[in-house]
Amino acid sequence: MTLEKERIRRGFNRCALEYANTAVLAREIGKRLFDHFEFLKIQPARILDLGAGTGFAGNDLHRLFPKATLISLDVAHALLRANPWRPRPWWHFGSPDMRASICAEAEQIPLQSGSMGLVWSNLMLPWCSLDLVLNEVRRVLEPEGLFIFSSLGPDSLKELRSAFAQLADGHAHVHDFLDMHDIGDALVHAGFSDPVMDREDLKVTYPDLSALVQDLRRAGGSNALKQRQRGLMGRHRWNILTASYERLRQDGVLPATFEVVYGHAWKPAPRKTSDGRPIIEVRPA
């Protein structure tokens, strides 16, 4: 699956003004991801919100870690401008600012190696090269730092994918999402330790197909596949798509499945010094 990064950037910039109010699913998944901190003991001095969007995770991260500096990173500058956790203006008086915003790609994080105690990411991974992002996250994490994230699994939008298959046009219309086990394997390959993965299916209902498509677009979820069809769909093909999806209608609504993948993993402490000598941990008896 090859994505057009500039199209992704434009899509999220375009929806920035309404994203905070329309990204209901992202908010709900973020809340469920926060529940995982109940079982994790960590007190980071610096936190990176990777793919921060409009920053609705900022309040909860600040509540959990009030002494930590929060850095919000996103590829869409318009989303960052709508982020209430952006830095205060220079003339602001009061306590020292403990936040910063960076507009950058997650595959090339412009932060010092070993500088973050926690990297948080909610639903950003499907828009990136997983291997490149994991390598960068591991690089910027300090030893024994934590990466915690949510993503989408392959059953996400399976109803829409099935409906598009009826067009038989050879084009890719819905993103392929990685399986939970593939993400876990990628974490291990990138050098993370003790990965923990979990998944659940969330069902969202819509009055019609147009409402689903509009909801996806308002949340920045436009088709960014290089293999996508170019140009407008046309009324005839839209009618075929609609008729196919309508077969799934139950109790007056159309279902849309989102397979949500949750995970966390740690950056292990180094086993050797920079000059190759082994590090031996000595614990009191």
C-alpha atoms as a PDB file:
ATOM      1  CA  MET A   1       0.000   0.000   0.000  1.00  0.00           C
ATOM      2  CA  THR A   2       1.536   3.291  -1.166  1.00  0.00           C
ATOM      3  CA  LEU A   3       0.153   6.580   0.127  1.00  0.00           C
ATOM      4  CA  GLU A   4       0.407  10.093  -1.279  1.00  0.00           C
ATOM      5  CA  LYS A   5       1.700  12.125   1.655  1.00  0.00           C
ATOM      6  CA  GLU A   6       0.793  15.502   0.182  1.00  0.00           C
ATOM      7  CA  ARG A   7      -2.808  14.379  -0.302  1.00  0.00           C
ATOM      8  CA  ILE A   8      -2.912  13.256   3.331  1.00  0.00           C
ATOM      9  CA  ARG A   9      -1.565  16.638   4.440  1.00  0.00           C
ATOM     10  CA  ARG A  10      -4.111  18.539   2.335  1.00  0.00           C
ATOM     11  CA  GLY A  11      -6.963  16.379   3.602  1.00  0.00           C
ATOM     12  CA  PHE A  12      -6.222  17.072   7.253  1.00  0.00           C
ATOM     13  CA  ASN A  13      -5.518  20.753   6.652  1.00  0.00           C
ATOM     14  CA  ARG A  14      -8.853  21.062   4.851  1.00  0.00           C
ATOM     15  CA  CYS A  15     -10.845  19.571   7.724  1.00  0.00           C
ATOM     16  CA  ALA A  16      -8.981  21.386  10.520  1.00  0.00           C
ATOM     17  CA  LEU A  17     -11.735  23.851  11.438  1.00  0.00           C
ATOM     18  CA  GLU A  18     -14.310  21.118  12.063  1.00  0.00           C
ATOM     19  CA  TYR A  19     -12.015  18.230  13.002  1.00  0.00           C
ATOM     20  CA  ALA A  20     -12.256  18.754  16.752  1.00  0.00           C
ATOM     21  CA  ASN A  21     -16.048  18.411  16.599  1.00  0.00           C
ATOM     22  CA  THR A  22     -16.323  15.683  13.950  1.00  0.00           C
ATOM     23  CA  ALA A  23     -13.572  13.243  14.976  1.00  0.00           C
ATOM     24  CA  VAL A  24     -15.892  11.524  17.455  1.00  0.00           C
ATOM     25  CA  LEU A  25     -14.456   8.066  16.822  1.00  0.00           C
ATOM     26  CA  ALA A  26     -10.880   9.263  17.349  1.00  0.00           C
ATOM     27  CA  ARG A  27     -11.884  10.832  20.658  1.00  0.00           C
ATOM     28  CA  GLU A  28     -13.572   7.646  21.842  1.00  0.00           C
ATOM     29  CA  ILE A  29     -10.607   5.484  20.866  1.00  0.00           C
ATOM     30  CA  GLY A  30      -8.262   7.930  22.588  1.00  0.00           C
ATOM     31  CA  LYS A  31     -10.264   7.633  25.810  1.00  0.00           C
ATOM     32  CA  ARG A  32     -10.048   3.851  25.647  1.00  0.00           C
ATOM     33  CA  LEU A  33      -6.318   4.030  25.013  1.00  0.00           C
ATOM     34  CA  PHE A  34      -5.898   6.160  28.141  1.00  0.00           C
ATOM     35  CA  ASP A  35      -7.396   3.317  30.175  1.00  0.00           C
ATOM     36  CA  HIS A  36      -4.217   1.316  29.476  1.00  0.00           C
ATOM     37  CA  PHE A  37      -2.214   3.687  31.686  1.00  0.00           C
ATOM     38  CA  GLU A  38      -3.973   2.132  34.677  1.00  0.00           C
ATOM     39  CA  PHE A  39      -1.615  -0.820  34.381  1.00  0.00           C
ATOM     40  CA  LEU A  40       1.538   1.104  33.425  1.00  0.00           C
ATOM     41  CA  LYS A  41       3.931   2.758  35.857  1.00  0.00           C
ATOM     42  CA  ILE A  42       5.706   5.667  34.214  1.00  0.00           C
ATOM     43  CA  GLN A  43       6.480   9.293  35.067  1.00  0.00           C
ATOM     44  CA  PRO A  44       7.927  10.860  31.912  1.00  0.00           C
ATOM     45  CA  ALA A  45       9.584  14.266  31.962  1.00  0.00           C
ATOM     46  CA  ARG A  46       8.823  14.825  28.266  1.00  0.00           C
ATOM     47  CA  ILE A  47       5.918  13.490  26.176  1.00  0.00           C
ATOM     48  CA  LEU A  48       5.545  13.438  22.403  1.00  0.00           C
ATOM     49  CA  ASP A  49       1.971  13.421  21.091  1.00  0.00           C
ATOM     50  CA  LEU A  50       2.695  11.926  17.663  1.00  0.00           C
ATOM     51  CA  GLY A  51      -0.013  12.845  15.175  1.00  0.00           C
ATOM     52  CA  ALA A  52      -1.550  15.228  17.695  1.00  0.00           C
ATOM     53  CA  GLY A  53      -4.174  16.707  15.378  1.00  0.00           C
ATOM     54  CA  THR A  54      -6.140  19.380  17.210  1.00  0.00           C
ATOM     55  CA  GLY A  55      -4.675  18.148  20.479  1.00  0.00           C
ATOM     56  CA  PHE A  56      -7.682  16.747  22.308  1.00  0.00           C
ATOM     57  CA  ALA A  57      -5.347  14.288  24.085  1.00  0.00           C
ATOM     58  CA  GLY A  58      -3.435  17.165  25.649  1.00  0.00           C
ATOM     59  CA  ASN A  59      -5.729  17.717  28.624  1.00  0.00           C
ATOM     60  CA  ASP A  60      -5.707  14.047  29.620  1.00  0.00           C
ATOM     61  CA  LEU A  61      -1.948  13.741  29.170  1.00  0.00           C
ATOM     62  CA  HIS A  62      -1.463  16.845  31.306  1.00  0.00           C
ATOM     63  CA  ARG A  63      -3.837  15.473  33.940  1.00  0.00           C
ATOM     64  CA  LEU A  64      -1.921  12.193  34.137  1.00  0.00           C
ATOM     65  CA  PHE A  65       1.536  13.770  33.952  1.00  0.00           C
ATOM     66  CA  PRO A  66       1.182  17.376  35.186  1.00  0.00           C
ATOM     67  CA  LYS A  67       4.936  17.970  35.464  1.00  0.00           C
ATOM     68  CA  ALA A  68       5.804  16.737  31.989  1.00  0.00           C
ATOM     69  CA  THR A  69       6.580  18.862  28.948  1.00  0.00           C
ATOM     70  CA  LEU A  70       4.181  18.069  26.097  1.00  0.00           C
ATOM     71  CA  ILE A  71       5.289  18.278  22.473  1.00  0.00           C
ATOM     72  CA  SER A  72       2.575  18.049  19.796  1.00  0.00           C
ATOM     73  CA  LEU A  73       3.692  16.867  16.345  1.00  0.00           C
ATOM     74  CA  ASP A  74       1.513  16.685  13.262  1.00  0.00           C
ATOM     75  CA  VAL A  75       1.994  16.827   9.514  1.00  0.00           C
ATOM     76  CA  ALA A  76      -0.929  19.263   9.078  1.00  0.00           C
ATOM     77  CA  HIS A  77      -0.111  22.808  10.153  1.00  0.00           C
ATOM     78  CA  ALA A  78      -3.788  23.818  10.226  1.00  0.00           C
ATOM     79  CA  LEU A  79      -4.537  21.133  12.802  1.00  0.00           C
ATOM     80  CA  LEU A  80      -1.710  22.374  14.999  1.00  0.00           C
ATOM     81  CA  ARG A  81      -3.029  25.951  14.817  1.00  0.00           C
ATOM     82  CA  ALA A  82      -6.358  24.657  16.139  1.00  0.00           C
ATOM     83  CA  ASN A  83      -4.563  22.829  18.965  1.00  0.00           C
ATOM     84  CA  PRO A  84      -5.274  24.436  22.374  1.00  0.00           C
ATOM     85  CA  TRP A  85      -2.001  22.926  23.570  1.00  0.00           C
ATOM     86  CA  ARG A  86       0.092  24.993  21.189  1.00  0.00           C
ATOM     87  CA  PRO A  87       2.742  27.162  22.867  1.00  0.00           C
ATOM     88  CA  ARG A  88       1.669  30.368  24.566  1.00  0.00           C
ATOM     89  CA  PRO A  89       2.720  33.666  22.910  1.00  0.00           C
ATOM     90  CA  TRP A  90       6.023  35.097  24.068  1.00  0.00           C
ATOM     91  CA  TRP A  91       4.315  37.900  26.035  1.00  0.00           C
ATOM     92  CA  HIS A  92       2.375  35.451  28.233  1.00  0.00           C
ATOM     93  CA  PHE A  93       3.105  35.883  31.940  1.00  0.00           C
ATOM     94  CA  GLY A  94       2.906  33.127  34.516  1.00  0.00           C
ATOM     95  CA  SER A  95       4.358  29.658  34.858  1.00  0.00           C
ATOM     96  CA  PRO A  96       7.010  28.476  32.376  1.00  0.00           C
ATOM     97  CA  ASP A  97       5.575  27.058  29.156  1.00  0.00           C
ATOM     98  CA  MET A  98       5.640  23.247  29.145  1.00  0.00           C
ATOM     99  CA  ARG A  99       4.402  22.686  25.607  1.00  0.00           C
ATOM    100  CA  ALA A 100       5.588  22.957  22.041  1.00  0.00           C
ATOM    101  CA  SER A 101       4.254  22.263  18.554  1.00  0.00           C
ATOM    102  CA  ILE A 102       6.132  20.828  15.596  1.00  0.00           C
ATOM    103  CA  CYS A 103       4.855  20.482  12.030  1.00  0.00           C
ATOM    104  CA  ALA A 104       6.758  17.505  10.645  1.00  0.00           C
ATOM    105  CA  GLU A 105       6.531  13.970   9.288  1.00  0.00           C
ATOM    106  CA  ALA A 106       6.387  11.123  11.793  1.00  0.00           C
ATOM    107  CA  GLU A 107       8.942   9.253   9.674  1.00  0.00           C
ATOM    108  CA  GLN A 108      11.473  12.034  10.342  1.00  0.00           C
ATOM    109  CA  ILE A 109      10.948  13.359  13.856  1.00  0.00           C
ATOM    110  CA  PRO A 110      13.074  16.494  14.396  1.00  0.00           C
ATOM    111  CA  LEU A 111      13.907  15.704  18.013  1.00  0.00           C
ATOM    112  CA  GLN A 112      17.070  14.651  19.755  1.00  0.00           C
ATOM    113  CA  SER A 113      17.693  10.931  20.196  1.00  0.00           C
ATOM    114  CA  GLY A 114      16.789   9.633  23.649  1.00  0.00           C
ATOM    115  CA  SER A 115      14.877  12.784  24.591  1.00  0.00           C
ATOM    116  CA  MET A 116      11.311  11.507  25.202  1.00  0.00           C
ATOM    117  CA  GLY A 117      10.059   9.457  28.131  1.00  0.00           C
ATOM    118  CA  LEU A 118       6.702   8.722  26.477  1.00  0.00           C
ATOM    119  CA  VAL A 119       5.463   8.722  22.885  1.00  0.00           C
ATOM    120  CA  TRP A 120       1.663   8.689  22.532  1.00  0.00           C
ATOM    121  CA  SER A 121      -0.020   8.132  19.172  1.00  0.00           C
ATOM    122  CA  ASN A 122      -3.748   7.836  18.503  1.00  0.00           C
ATOM    123  CA  LEU A 123      -4.794   6.553  15.044  1.00  0.00           C
ATOM    124  CA  MET A 124      -1.793   7.993  13.207  1.00  0.00           C
ATOM    125  CA  LEU A 125       0.018   4.822  12.157  1.00  0.00           C
ATOM    126  CA  PRO A 126      -2.297   3.949   9.218  1.00  0.00           C
ATOM    127  CA  TRP A 127      -1.168   7.133   7.460  1.00  0.00           C
ATOM    128  CA  CYS A 128       2.547   6.350   7.612  1.00  0.00           C
ATOM    129  CA  SER A 129       5.223   3.815   6.827  1.00  0.00           C
ATOM    130  CA  LEU A 130       5.092   1.665   9.958  1.00  0.00           C
ATOM    131  CA  ASP A 131       8.744   0.570   9.899  1.00  0.00           C
ATOM    132  CA  LEU A 132      10.046   4.105   9.447  1.00  0.00           C
ATOM    133  CA  VAL A 133       7.848   5.474  12.236  1.00  0.00           C
ATOM    134  CA  LEU A 134       8.795   2.722  14.683  1.00  0.00           C
ATOM    135  CA  ASN A 135      12.494   3.300  14.041  1.00  0.00           C
ATOM    136  CA  GLU A 136      12.056   7.010  14.683  1.00  0.00           C
ATOM    137  CA  VAL A 137       9.978   6.477  17.816  1.00  0.00           C
ATOM    138  CA  ARG A 138      12.583   4.117  19.227  1.00  0.00           C
ATOM    139  CA  ARG A 139      15.318   6.634  18.418  1.00  0.00           C
ATOM    140  CA  VAL A 140      13.686   9.570  20.232  1.00  0.00           C
ATOM    141  CA  LEU A 141      12.660   7.505  23.265  1.00  0.00           C
ATOM    142  CA  GLU A 142      14.981   7.447  26.241  1.00  0.00           C
ATOM    143  CA  PRO A 143      16.014   4.019  27.593  1.00  0.00           C
ATOM    144  CA  GLU A 144      13.017   2.350  29.273  1.00  0.00           C
ATOM    145  CA  GLY A 145      10.729   4.902  27.612  1.00  0.00           C
ATOM    146  CA  LEU A 146       7.226   3.872  26.534  1.00  0.00           C
ATOM    147  CA  PHE A 147       5.469   3.918  23.172  1.00  0.00           C
ATOM    148  CA  ILE A 148       1.686   3.604  23.455  1.00  0.00           C
ATOM    149  CA  PHE A 149      -0.599   3.775  20.437  1.00  0.00           C
ATOM    150  CA  SER A 150      -3.835   2.897  18.709  1.00  0.00           C
ATOM    151  CA  SER A 151      -4.312   1.964  15.074  1.00  0.00           C
ATOM    152  CA  LEU A 152      -6.857   0.360  12.753  1.00  0.00           C
ATOM    153  CA  GLY A 153      -6.972  -3.325  11.871  1.00  0.00           C
ATOM    154  CA  PRO A 154      -7.893  -5.055   8.579  1.00  0.00           C
ATOM    155  CA  ASP A 155     -11.611  -5.438   9.411  1.00  0.00           C
ATOM    156  CA  SER A 156     -12.011  -1.647   9.496  1.00  0.00           C
ATOM    157  CA  LEU A 157     -14.552  -0.456   6.911  1.00  0.00           C
ATOM    158  CA  LYS A 158     -15.019  -4.015   5.700  1.00  0.00           C
ATOM    159  CA  GLU A 159     -18.587  -3.197   4.643  1.00  0.00           C
ATOM    160  CA  LEU A 160     -17.407  -0.305   2.479  1.00  0.00           C
ATOM    161  CA  ARG A 161     -14.616  -2.405   1.011  1.00  0.00           C
ATOM    162  CA  SER A 162     -17.093  -5.147   0.111  1.00  0.00           C
ATOM    163  CA  ALA A 163     -19.440  -2.642  -1.535  1.00  0.00           C
ATOM    164  CA  PHE A 164     -16.628  -1.171  -3.626  1.00  0.00           C
ATOM    165  CA  ALA A 165     -15.681  -4.684  -4.765  1.00  0.00           C
ATOM    166  CA  GLN A 166     -18.999  -4.787  -6.661  1.00  0.00           C
ATOM    167  CA  LEU A 167     -17.662  -2.105  -9.008  1.00  0.00           C
ATOM    168  CA  ALA A 168     -14.963  -4.530 -10.215  1.00  0.00           C
ATOM    169  CA  ASP A 169     -12.945  -1.635 -11.612  1.00  0.00           C
ATOM    170  CA  GLY A 170      -9.505  -2.762 -10.447  1.00  0.00           C
ATOM    171  CA  HIS A 171      -8.939   0.361  -8.343  1.00  0.00           C
ATOM    172  CA  ALA A 172      -8.106   0.537  -4.638  1.00  0.00           C
ATOM    173  CA  HIS A 173     -10.818   2.467  -2.800  1.00  0.00           C
ATOM    174  CA  VAL A 174     -10.237   1.628   0.887  1.00  0.00           C
ATOM    175  CA  HIS A 175      -6.922   1.518   2.720  1.00  0.00           C
ATOM    176  CA  ASP A 176      -5.490  -1.834   3.764  1.00  0.00           C
ATOM    177  CA  PHE A 177      -4.875  -1.790   7.510  1.00  0.00           C
ATOM    178  CA  LEU A 178      -2.237  -3.901   9.241  1.00  0.00           C
ATOM    179  CA  ASP A 179      -3.111  -6.865  11.414  1.00  0.00           C
ATOM    180  CA  MET A 180      -2.435  -6.643  15.142  1.00  0.00           C
ATOM    181  CA  HIS A 181       0.152  -9.442  14.930  1.00  0.00           C
ATOM    182  CA  ASP A 182       1.991  -7.723  12.076  1.00  0.00           C
ATOM    183  CA  ILE A 183       2.300  -4.555  14.154  1.00  0.00           C
ATOM    184  CA  GLY A 184       3.580  -6.603  17.094  1.00  0.00           C
ATOM    185  CA  ASP A 185       6.183  -8.277  14.878  1.00  0.00           C
ATOM    186  CA  ALA A 186       7.239  -4.871  13.537  1.00  0.00           C
ATOM    187  CA  LEU A 187       7.721  -3.590  17.096  1.00  0.00           C
ATOM    188  CA  VAL A 188      10.046  -6.481  17.906  1.00  0.00           C
ATOM    189  CA  HIS A 189      11.920  -6.032  14.622  1.00  0.00           C
ATOM    190  CA  ALA A 190      12.412  -2.336  15.424  1.00  0.00           C
ATOM    191  CA  GLY A 191      14.022  -3.240  18.753  1.00  0.00           C
ATOM    192  CA  PHE A 192      11.189  -2.663  21.208  1.00  0.00           C
ATOM    193  CA  SER A 193      10.716  -4.999  24.161  1.00  0.00           C
ATOM    194  CA  ASP A 194       7.669  -6.519  25.874  1.00  0.00           C
ATOM    195  CA  PRO A 195       5.059  -5.493  23.270  1.00  0.00           C
ATOM    196  CA  VAL A 196       1.456  -5.896  24.412  1.00  0.00           C
ATOM    197  CA  MET A 197      -1.299  -5.894  21.784  1.00  0.00           C
ATOM    198  CA  ASP A 198      -5.085  -5.895  22.021  1.00  0.00           C
ATOM    199  CA  ARG A 199      -8.015  -5.310  19.689  1.00  0.00           C
ATOM    200  CA  GLU A 200     -11.747  -4.665  19.641  1.00  0.00           C
ATOM    201  CA  ASP A 201     -14.439  -3.992  17.050  1.00  0.00           C
ATOM    202  CA  LEU A 202     -16.434  -0.778  17.252  1.00  0.00           C
ATOM    203  CA  LYS A 203     -19.669  -0.449  15.289  1.00  0.00           C
ATOM    204  CA  VAL A 204     -20.800   2.951  14.046  1.00  0.00           C
ATOM    205  CA  THR A 205     -24.144   3.431  12.306  1.00  0.00           C
ATOM    206  CA  TYR A 206     -25.193   5.907   9.628  1.00  0.00           C
ATOM    207  CA  PRO A 207     -28.530   6.837   8.043  1.00  0.00           C
ATOM    208  CA  ASP A 208     -27.094   6.353   4.546  1.00  0.00           C
ATOM    209  CA  LEU A 209     -23.847   5.882   2.640  1.00  0.00           C
ATOM    210  CA  SER A 210     -23.443   9.595   1.966  1.00  0.00           C
ATOM    211  CA  ALA A 211     -23.314  10.269   5.706  1.00  0.00           C
ATOM    212  CA  LEU A 212     -20.543   7.689   6.155  1.00  0.00           C
ATOM    213  CA  VAL A 213     -18.455   9.105   3.303  1.00  0.00           C
ATOM    214  CA  GLN A 214     -18.946  12.651   4.572  1.00  0.00           C
ATOM    215  CA  ASP A 215     -17.946  11.621   8.094  1.00  0.00           C
ATOM    216  CA  LEU A 216     -14.741  10.034   6.812  1.00  0.00           C
ATOM    217  CA  ARG A 217     -13.847  13.121   4.801  1.00  0.00           C
ATOM    218  CA  ARG A 218     -14.543  15.521   7.669  1.00  0.00           C
ATOM    219  CA  ALA A 219     -12.182  13.437   9.814  1.00  0.00           C
ATOM    220  CA  GLY A 220      -9.448  13.670   7.168  1.00  0.00           C
ATOM    221  CA  GLY A 221     -10.003  10.122   5.942  1.00  0.00           C
ATOM    222  CA  SER A 222      -9.986  10.674   2.190  1.00  0.00           C
ATOM    223  CA  ASN A 223      -8.528   8.040  -0.128  1.00  0.00           C
ATOM    224  CA  ALA A 224      -4.783   8.777  -0.353  1.00  0.00           C
ATOM    225  CA  LEU A 225      -3.779   5.576  -2.155  1.00  0.00           C
ATOM    226  CA  LYS A 226      -1.652   6.081  -5.249  1.00  0.00           C
ATOM    227  CA  GLN A 227      -3.652   3.247  -6.845  1.00  0.00           C
ATOM    228  CA  ARG A 228      -6.950   5.074  -6.355  1.00  0.00           C
ATOM    229  CA  GLN A 229      -9.265   6.051  -9.188  1.00  0.00           C
ATOM    230  CA  ARG A 230      -8.763   9.624 -10.367  1.00  0.00           C
ATOM    231  CA  GLY A 231     -11.671  11.960 -11.003  1.00  0.00           C
ATOM    232  CA  LEU A 232     -15.314  11.780 -10.003  1.00  0.00           C
ATOM    233  CA  MET A 233     -17.084   8.470  -9.523  1.00  0.00           C
ATOM    234  CA  GLY A 234     -20.147   9.198 -11.643  1.00  0.00           C
ATOM    235  CA  ARG A 235     -23.814   8.663 -10.825  1.00  0.00           C
ATOM    236  CA  HIS A 236     -24.072   5.150 -12.295  1.00  0.00           C
ATOM    237  CA  ARG A 237     -21.182   3.742 -10.262  1.00  0.00           C
ATOM    238  CA  TRP A 238     -22.357   5.596  -7.130  1.00  0.00           C
ATOM    239  CA  ASN A 239     -25.767   3.939  -7.507  1.00  0.00           C
ATOM    240  CA  ILE A 240     -24.108   0.500  -7.745  1.00  0.00           C
ATOM    241  CA  LEU A 241     -22.087   1.246  -4.617  1.00  0.00           C
ATOM    242  CA  THR A 242     -25.133   2.505  -2.727  1.00  0.00           C
ATOM    243  CA  ALA A 243     -27.270  -0.479  -3.705  1.00  0.00           C
ATOM    244  CA  SER A 244     -24.574  -2.881  -2.551  1.00  0.00           C
ATOM    245  CA  TYR A 245     -24.213  -1.181   0.835  1.00  0.00           C
ATOM    246  CA  GLU A 246     -27.976  -0.963   1.290  1.00  0.00           C
ATOM    247  CA  ARG A 247     -28.138  -4.757   1.559  1.00  0.00           C
ATOM    248  CA  LEU A 248     -26.552  -4.372   5.003  1.00  0.00           C
ATOM    249  CA  ARG A 249     -29.226  -2.072   6.387  1.00  0.00           C
ATOM    250  CA  GLN A 250     -30.626  -3.215   9.742  1.00  0.00           C
ATOM    251  CA  ASP A 251     -33.082  -1.429  12.014  1.00  0.00           C
ATOM    252  CA  GLY A 252     -33.104   1.521   9.653  1.00  0.00           C
ATOM    253  CA  VAL A 253     -29.344   2.225   9.697  1.00  0.00           C
ATOM    254  CA  LEU A 254     -26.177   1.169   7.885  1.00  0.00           C
ATOM    255  CA  PRO A 255     -23.279  -0.316   9.899  1.00  0.00           C
ATOM    256  CA  ALA A 256     -19.590   0.535   9.627  1.00  0.00           C
ATOM    257  CA  THR A 257     -17.022  -1.593  11.443  1.00  0.00           C
ATOM    258  CA  PHE A 258     -13.786  -0.195  12.854  1.00  0.00           C
ATOM    259  CA  GLU A 259     -11.305  -2.765  14.144  1.00  0.00           C
ATOM    260  CA  VAL A 260      -9.250  -0.892  16.724  1.00  0.00           C
ATOM    261  CA  VAL A 261      -5.770  -2.094  17.610  1.00  0.00           C
ATOM    262  CA  TYR A 262      -4.155  -0.986  20.869  1.00  0.00           C
ATOM    263  CA  GLY A 263      -0.546  -1.556  21.781  1.00  0.00           C
ATOM    264  CA  HIS A 264       2.376  -0.494  23.883  1.00  0.00           C
ATOM    265  CA  ALA A 265       6.051  -1.432  24.067  1.00  0.00           C
ATOM    266  CA  TRP A 266       9.217  -0.256  25.780  1.00  0.00           C
ATOM    267  CA  LYS A 267      12.602   0.870  24.570  1.00  0.00           C
ATOM    268  CA  PRO A 268      15.003  -1.459  26.367  1.00  0.00           C
ATOM    269  CA  ALA A 269      17.942  -0.178  28.347  1.00  0.00           C
ATOM    270  CA  PRO A 270      21.253  -0.510  26.455  1.00  0.00           C
ATOM    271  CA  ARG A 271      23.255  -3.684  27.024  1.00  0.00           C
ATOM    272  CA  LYS A 272      26.552  -2.197  25.906  1.00  0.00           C
ATOM    273  CA  THR A 273      28.355   1.121  26.273  1.00  0.00           C
ATOM    274  CA  SER A 274      29.085   3.268  23.230  1.00  0.00           C
ATOM    275  CA  ASP A 275      32.557   1.680  22.976  1.00  0.00           C
ATOM    276  CA  GLY A 276      31.172  -1.874  23.052  1.00  0.00           C
ATOM    277  CA  ARG A 277      31.678  -2.838  26.696  1.00  0.00           C
ATOM    278  CA  PRO A 278      28.833  -4.851  28.271  1.00  0.00           C
ATOM    279  CA  ILE A 279      26.694  -3.140  30.902  1.00  0.00           C
ATOM    280  CA  ILE A 280      26.223  -5.222  34.016  1.00  0.00           C
ATOM    281  CA  GLU A 281      23.363  -4.221  36.303  1.00  0.00           C
ATOM    282  CA  VAL A 282      24.153  -4.572  39.997  1.00  0.00           C
ATOM    283  CA  ARG A 283      21.199  -4.804  42.367  1.00  0.00           C
ATOM    284  CA  PRO A 284      21.425  -4.728  46.179  1.00  0.00           C
ATOM    285  CA  ALA A 285      20.921  -8.109  47.827  1.00  0.00           C
END
